PDB file of N, CA and C in Angstrom:
ATOM      1  N   UNK A   1     -15.158  25.307 -24.596  1.00  0.00           N
ATOM      2  CA  UNK A   1     -13.902  25.450 -23.869  1.00  0.00           C
ATOM      3  C   UNK A   1     -14.082  25.066 -22.399  1.00  0.00           C
ATOM      4  N   UNK A   2     -15.137  25.559 -21.768  1.00  0.00           N
ATOM      5  CA  UNK A   2     -15.370  25.269 -20.357  1.00  0.00           C
ATOM      6  C   UNK A   2     -15.656  23.805 -20.105  1.00  0.00           C
ATOM      7  N   UNK A   3     -16.333  23.160 -21.038  1.00  0.00           N
ATOM      8  CA  UNK A   3     -16.669  21.746 -20.873  1.00  0.00           C
ATOM      9  C   UNK A   3     -15.410  20.889 -20.906  1.00  0.00           C
ATOM     10  N   UNK A   4     -14.513  21.202 -21.816  1.00  0.00           N
ATOM     11  CA  UNK A   4     -13.261  20.450 -21.927  1.00  0.00           C
ATOM     12  C   UNK A   4     -12.391  20.660 -20.686  1.00  0.00           C
ATOM     13  N   UNK A   5     -12.349  21.891 -20.204  1.00  0.00           N
ATOM     14  CA  UNK A   5     -11.550  22.212 -19.021  1.00  0.00           C
ATOM     15  C   UNK A   5     -12.081  21.483 -17.787  1.00  0.00           C
ATOM     16  N   UNK A   6     -13.404  21.401 -17.661  1.00  0.00           N
ATOM     17  CA  UNK A   6     -13.999  20.679 -16.536  1.00  0.00           C
ATOM     18  C   UNK A   6     -13.661  19.198 -16.577  1.00  0.00           C
ATOM     19  N   UNK A   7     -13.630  18.617 -17.755  1.00  0.00           N
ATOM     20  CA  UNK A   7     -13.260  17.211 -17.907  1.00  0.00           C
ATOM     21  C   UNK A   7     -11.811  16.973 -17.494  1.00  0.00           C
ATOM     22  N   UNK A   8     -10.945  17.899 -17.844  1.00  0.00           N
ATOM     23  CA  UNK A   8      -9.531  17.761 -17.469  1.00  0.00           C
ATOM     24  C   UNK A   8      -9.364  17.832 -15.948  1.00  0.00           C
ATOM     25  N   UNK A   9     -10.061  18.774 -15.329  1.00  0.00           N
ATOM     26  CA  UNK A   9      -9.974  18.884 -13.871  1.00  0.00           C
ATOM     27  C   UNK A   9     -10.515  17.636 -13.190  1.00  0.00           C
ATOM     28  N   UNK A  10     -11.606  17.101 -13.729  1.00  0.00           N
ATOM     29  CA  UNK A  10     -12.181  15.885 -13.152  1.00  0.00           C
ATOM     30  C   UNK A  10     -11.208  14.718 -13.293  1.00  0.00           C
ATOM     31  N   UNK A  11     -10.557  14.597 -14.443  1.00  0.00           N
ATOM     32  CA  UNK A  11      -9.575  13.533 -14.656  1.00  0.00           C
ATOM     33  C   UNK A  11      -8.398  13.669 -13.693  1.00  0.00           C
ATOM     34  N   UNK A  12      -7.897  14.879 -13.531  1.00  0.00           N
ATOM     35  CA  UNK A  12      -6.771  15.113 -12.614  1.00  0.00           C
ATOM     36  C   UNK A  12      -7.183  14.814 -11.178  1.00  0.00           C
ATOM     37  N   UNK A  13      -8.386  15.224 -10.774  1.00  0.00           N
ATOM     38  CA  UNK A  13      -8.862  14.984  -9.415  1.00  0.00           C
ATOM     39  C   UNK A  13      -8.939  13.493  -9.117  1.00  0.00           C
ATOM     40  N   UNK A  14      -9.545  12.709 -10.012  1.00  0.00           N
ATOM     41  CA  UNK A  14      -9.686  11.284  -9.757  1.00  0.00           C
ATOM     42  C   UNK A  14      -8.343  10.560  -9.816  1.00  0.00           C
ATOM     43  N   UNK A  15      -7.431  11.022 -10.653  1.00  0.00           N
ATOM     44  CA  UNK A  15      -6.098  10.424 -10.704  1.00  0.00           C
ATOM     45  C   UNK A  15      -5.348  10.676  -9.398  1.00  0.00           C
ATOM     46  N   UNK A  16      -5.422  11.904  -8.903  1.00  0.00           N
ATOM     47  CA  UNK A  16      -4.749  12.222  -7.639  1.00  0.00           C
ATOM     48  C   UNK A  16      -5.400  11.486  -6.467  1.00  0.00           C
ATOM     49  N   UNK A  17      -6.714  11.328  -6.504  1.00  0.00           N
ATOM     50  CA  UNK A  17      -7.424  10.618  -5.448  1.00  0.00           C
ATOM     51  C   UNK A  17      -6.973   9.161  -5.396  1.00  0.00           C
ATOM     52  N   UNK A  18      -6.849   8.518  -6.555  1.00  0.00           N
ATOM     53  CA  UNK A  18      -6.395   7.124  -6.590  1.00  0.00           C
ATOM     54  C   UNK A  18      -4.952   7.005  -6.108  1.00  0.00           C
ATOM     55  N   UNK A  19      -4.102   7.960  -6.481  1.00  0.00           N
ATOM     56  CA  UNK A  19      -2.709   7.931  -6.029  1.00  0.00           C
ATOM     57  C   UNK A  19      -2.629   8.104  -4.517  1.00  0.00           C
ATOM     58  N   UNK A  20      -3.436   8.981  -3.971  1.00  0.00           N
ATOM     59  CA  UNK A  20      -3.460   9.196  -2.518  1.00  0.00           C
ATOM     60  C   UNK A  20      -3.954   7.943  -1.797  1.00  0.00           C
ATOM     61  N   UNK A  21      -4.977   7.316  -2.325  1.00  0.00           N
ATOM     62  CA  UNK A  21      -5.493   6.090  -1.724  1.00  0.00           C
ATOM     63  C   UNK A  21      -4.452   4.971  -1.777  1.00  0.00           C
ATOM     64  N   UNK A  22      -3.746   4.844  -2.886  1.00  0.00           N
ATOM     65  CA  UNK A  22      -2.696   3.827  -3.002  1.00  0.00           C
ATOM     66  C   UNK A  22      -1.569   4.085  -1.998  1.00  0.00           C
ATOM     67  N   UNK A  23      -1.214   5.350  -1.802  1.00  0.00           N
ATOM     68  CA  UNK A  23      -0.164   5.688  -0.832  1.00  0.00           C
ATOM     69  C   UNK A  23      -0.610   5.350   0.591  1.00  0.00           C
ATOM     70  N   UNK A  24      -1.864   5.621   0.916  1.00  0.00           N
ATOM     71  CA  UNK A  24      -2.360   5.296   2.260  1.00  0.00           C
ATOM     72  C   UNK A  24      -2.386   3.780   2.495  1.00  0.00           C
ATOM     73  N   UNK A  25      -2.759   3.021   1.492  1.00  0.00           N
ATOM     74  CA  UNK A  25      -2.759   1.561   1.630  1.00  0.00           C
ATOM     75  C   UNK A  25      -1.340   1.047   1.795  1.00  0.00           C
ATOM     76  N   UNK A  26      -0.390   1.600   1.046  1.00  0.00           N
ATOM     77  CA  UNK A  26       1.008   1.197   1.188  1.00  0.00           C
ATOM     78  C   UNK A  26       1.528   1.512   2.592  1.00  0.00           C
ATOM     79  N   UNK A  27       1.147   2.660   3.128  1.00  0.00           N
ATOM     80  CA  UNK A  27       1.536   3.016   4.500  1.00  0.00           C
ATOM     81  C   UNK A  27       0.952   2.035   5.507  1.00  0.00           C
ATOM     82  N   UNK A  28      -0.288   1.664   5.310  1.00  0.00           N
ATOM     83  CA  UNK A  28      -0.929   0.701   6.205  1.00  0.00           C
ATOM     84  C   UNK A  28      -0.202  -0.639   6.177  1.00  0.00           C
ATOM     85  N   UNK A  29       0.124  -1.122   4.984  1.00  0.00           N
ATOM     86  CA  UNK A  29       0.836  -2.395   4.885  1.00  0.00           C
ATOM     87  C   UNK A  29       2.233  -2.319   5.494  1.00  0.00           C
ATOM     88  N   UNK A  30       2.888  -1.185   5.362  1.00  0.00           N
ATOM     89  CA  UNK A  30       4.218  -1.025   5.974  1.00  0.00           C
ATOM     90  C   UNK A  30       4.118  -1.067   7.494  1.00  0.00           C
ATOM     91  N   UNK A  31       3.072  -0.470   8.049  1.00  0.00           N
ATOM     92  CA  UNK A  31       2.896  -0.499   9.502  1.00  0.00           C
ATOM     93  C   UNK A  31       2.566  -1.908   9.987  1.00  0.00           C
ATOM     94  N   UNK A  32       1.775  -2.645   9.228  1.00  0.00           N
ATOM     95  CA  UNK A  32       1.467  -4.029   9.598  1.00  0.00           C
ATOM     96  C   UNK A  32       2.739  -4.858   9.564  1.00  0.00           C
ATOM     97  N   UNK A  33       3.573  -4.655   8.543  1.00  0.00           N
ATOM     98  CA  UNK A  33       4.836  -5.385   8.448  1.00  0.00           C
ATOM     99  C   UNK A  33       5.734  -5.083   9.650  1.00  0.00           C
ATOM    100  N   UNK A  34       5.834  -3.818  10.027  1.00  0.00           N
ATOM    101  CA  UNK A  34       6.655  -3.440  11.187  1.00  0.00           C
ATOM    102  C   UNK A  34       6.079  -4.035  12.468  1.00  0.00           C
ATOM    103  N   UNK A  35       4.764  -4.074  12.583  1.00  0.00           N
ATOM    104  CA  UNK A  35       4.125  -4.654  13.767  1.00  0.00           C
ATOM    105  C   UNK A  35       4.423  -6.146  13.882  1.00  0.00           C
ATOM    106  N   UNK A  36       4.352  -6.849  12.764  1.00  0.00           N
ATOM    107  CA  UNK A  36       4.644  -8.285  12.775  1.00  0.00           C
ATOM    108  C   UNK A  36       6.097  -8.522  13.168  1.00  0.00           C
ATOM    109  N   UNK A  37       7.004  -7.713  12.646  1.00  0.00           N
ATOM    110  CA  UNK A  37       8.417  -7.858  12.996  1.00  0.00           C
ATOM    111  C   UNK A  37       8.658  -7.564  14.478  1.00  0.00           C
ATOM    112  N   UNK A  38       7.981  -6.558  15.006  1.00  0.00           N
ATOM    113  CA  UNK A  38       8.184  -6.153  16.397  1.00  0.00           C
ATOM    114  C   UNK A  38       7.621  -7.176  17.377  1.00  0.00           C
ATOM    115  N   UNK A  39       6.559  -7.854  17.010  1.00  0.00           N
ATOM    116  CA  UNK A  39       5.901  -8.792  17.920  1.00  0.00           C
ATOM    117  C   UNK A  39       6.679 -10.096  18.080  1.00  0.00           C
ATOM    118  N   UNK A  40       7.657 -10.328  17.240  1.00  0.00           N
ATOM    119  CA  UNK A  40       8.463 -11.538  17.374  1.00  0.00           C
ATOM    120  C   UNK A  40       7.748 -12.791  16.915  1.00  0.00           C
ATOM    121  N   UNK A  41       6.886 -12.656  15.929  1.00  0.00           N
ATOM    122  CA  UNK A  41       6.162 -13.819  15.435  1.00  0.00           C
ATOM    123  C   UNK A  41       6.998 -14.657  14.476  1.00  0.00           C
ATOM    124  N   UNK A  42       8.282 -14.320  14.375  1.00  0.00           N
ATOM    125  CA  UNK A  42       9.122 -15.060  13.439  1.00  0.00           C
ATOM    126  C   UNK A  42       9.439 -16.472  13.934  1.00  0.00           C
ATOM    127  N   UNK A  43       9.215 -16.775  15.209  1.00  0.00           N
ATOM    128  CA  UNK A  43       9.456 -18.123  15.715  1.00  0.00           C
ATOM    129  C   UNK A  43       8.275 -19.051  15.424  1.00  0.00           C
ATOM    130  N   UNK A  44       7.105 -18.512  15.192  1.00  0.00           N
ATOM    131  CA  UNK A  44       5.942 -19.353  14.936  1.00  0.00           C
ATOM    132  C   UNK A  44       5.949 -19.826  13.485  1.00  0.00           C
ATOM    133  N   UNK A  45       5.137 -20.821  13.206  1.00  0.00           N
ATOM    134  CA  UNK A  45       5.044 -21.344  11.846  1.00  0.00           C
ATOM    135  C   UNK A  45       4.509 -20.284  10.891  1.00  0.00           C
ATOM    136  N   UNK A  46       3.501 -19.551  11.328  1.00  0.00           N
ATOM    137  CA  UNK A  46       2.941 -18.497  10.482  1.00  0.00           C
ATOM    138  C   UNK A  46       3.965 -17.393  10.229  1.00  0.00           C
ATOM    139  N   UNK A  47       4.752 -17.057  11.240  1.00  0.00           N
ATOM    140  CA  UNK A  47       5.783 -16.031  11.079  1.00  0.00           C
ATOM    141  C   UNK A  47       6.865 -16.453  10.113  1.00  0.00           C
ATOM    142  N   UNK A  48       7.278 -17.707  10.185  1.00  0.00           N
ATOM    143  CA  UNK A  48       8.287 -18.204   9.241  1.00  0.00           C
ATOM    144  C   UNK A  48       7.740 -18.231   7.819  1.00  0.00           C
ATOM    145  N   UNK A  49       6.484 -18.619   7.665  1.00  0.00           N
ATOM    146  CA  UNK A  49       5.863 -18.637   6.334  1.00  0.00           C
ATOM    147  C   UNK A  49       5.747 -17.217   5.780  1.00  0.00           C
ATOM    148  N   UNK A  50       5.380 -16.263   6.650  1.00  0.00           N
ATOM    149  CA  UNK A  50       5.266 -14.869   6.216  1.00  0.00           C
ATOM    150  C   UNK A  50       6.621 -14.335   5.783  1.00  0.00           C
ATOM    151  N   UNK A  51       7.653 -14.627   6.537  1.00  0.00           N
ATOM    152  CA  UNK A  51       8.999 -14.154   6.184  1.00  0.00           C
ATOM    153  C   UNK A  51       9.464 -14.778   4.873  1.00  0.00           C
ATOM    154  N   UNK A  52       9.204 -16.069   4.680  1.00  0.00           N
ATOM    155  CA  UNK A  52       9.592 -16.721   3.424  1.00  0.00           C
ATOM    156  C   UNK A  52       8.850 -16.098   2.246  1.00  0.00           C
ATOM    157  N   UNK A  53       7.563 -15.790   2.436  1.00  0.00           N
ATOM    158  CA  UNK A  53       6.786 -15.161   1.371  1.00  0.00           C
ATOM    159  C   UNK A  53       7.314 -13.763   1.057  1.00  0.00           C
ATOM    160  N   UNK A  54       7.627 -13.003   2.104  1.00  0.00           N
ATOM    161  CA  UNK A  54       8.100 -11.634   1.910  1.00  0.00           C
ATOM    162  C   UNK A  54       9.479 -11.596   1.268  1.00  0.00           C
ATOM    163  N   UNK A  55      10.350 -12.538   1.607  1.00  0.00           N
ATOM    164  CA  UNK A  55      11.723 -12.525   1.115  1.00  0.00           C
ATOM    165  C   UNK A  55      11.905 -13.267  -0.197  1.00  0.00           C
ATOM    166  N   UNK A  56      10.854 -13.806  -0.779  1.00  0.00           N
ATOM    167  CA  UNK A  56      11.016 -14.632  -1.972  1.00  0.00           C
ATOM    168  C   UNK A  56      11.449 -13.830  -3.201  1.00  0.00           C
ATOM    169  N   UNK A  57      11.192 -12.550  -3.228  1.00  0.00           N
ATOM    170  CA  UNK A  57      11.565 -11.729  -4.386  1.00  0.00           C
ATOM    171  C   UNK A  57      12.980 -11.188  -4.320  1.00  0.00           C
ATOM    172  N   UNK A  58      13.649 -11.385  -3.228  1.00  0.00           N
ATOM    173  CA  UNK A  58      14.997 -10.805  -3.061  1.00  0.00           C
ATOM    174  C   UNK A  58      16.065 -11.672  -3.654  1.00  0.00           C
TER     175      UNK A  58
END
């Protein structure tokens, strides 16, 4: 019984750890996106390419 319970806790811990890491990476990418928008790089060639790439799914 104890062995099975320990396996379940380990599975839940690693699942939550991966979800937390994914959320932190998403937050980082959102901040980078806001930084690029704020810096006004949309007039440069790289900024226009980035905007076209980001808006292609809409």
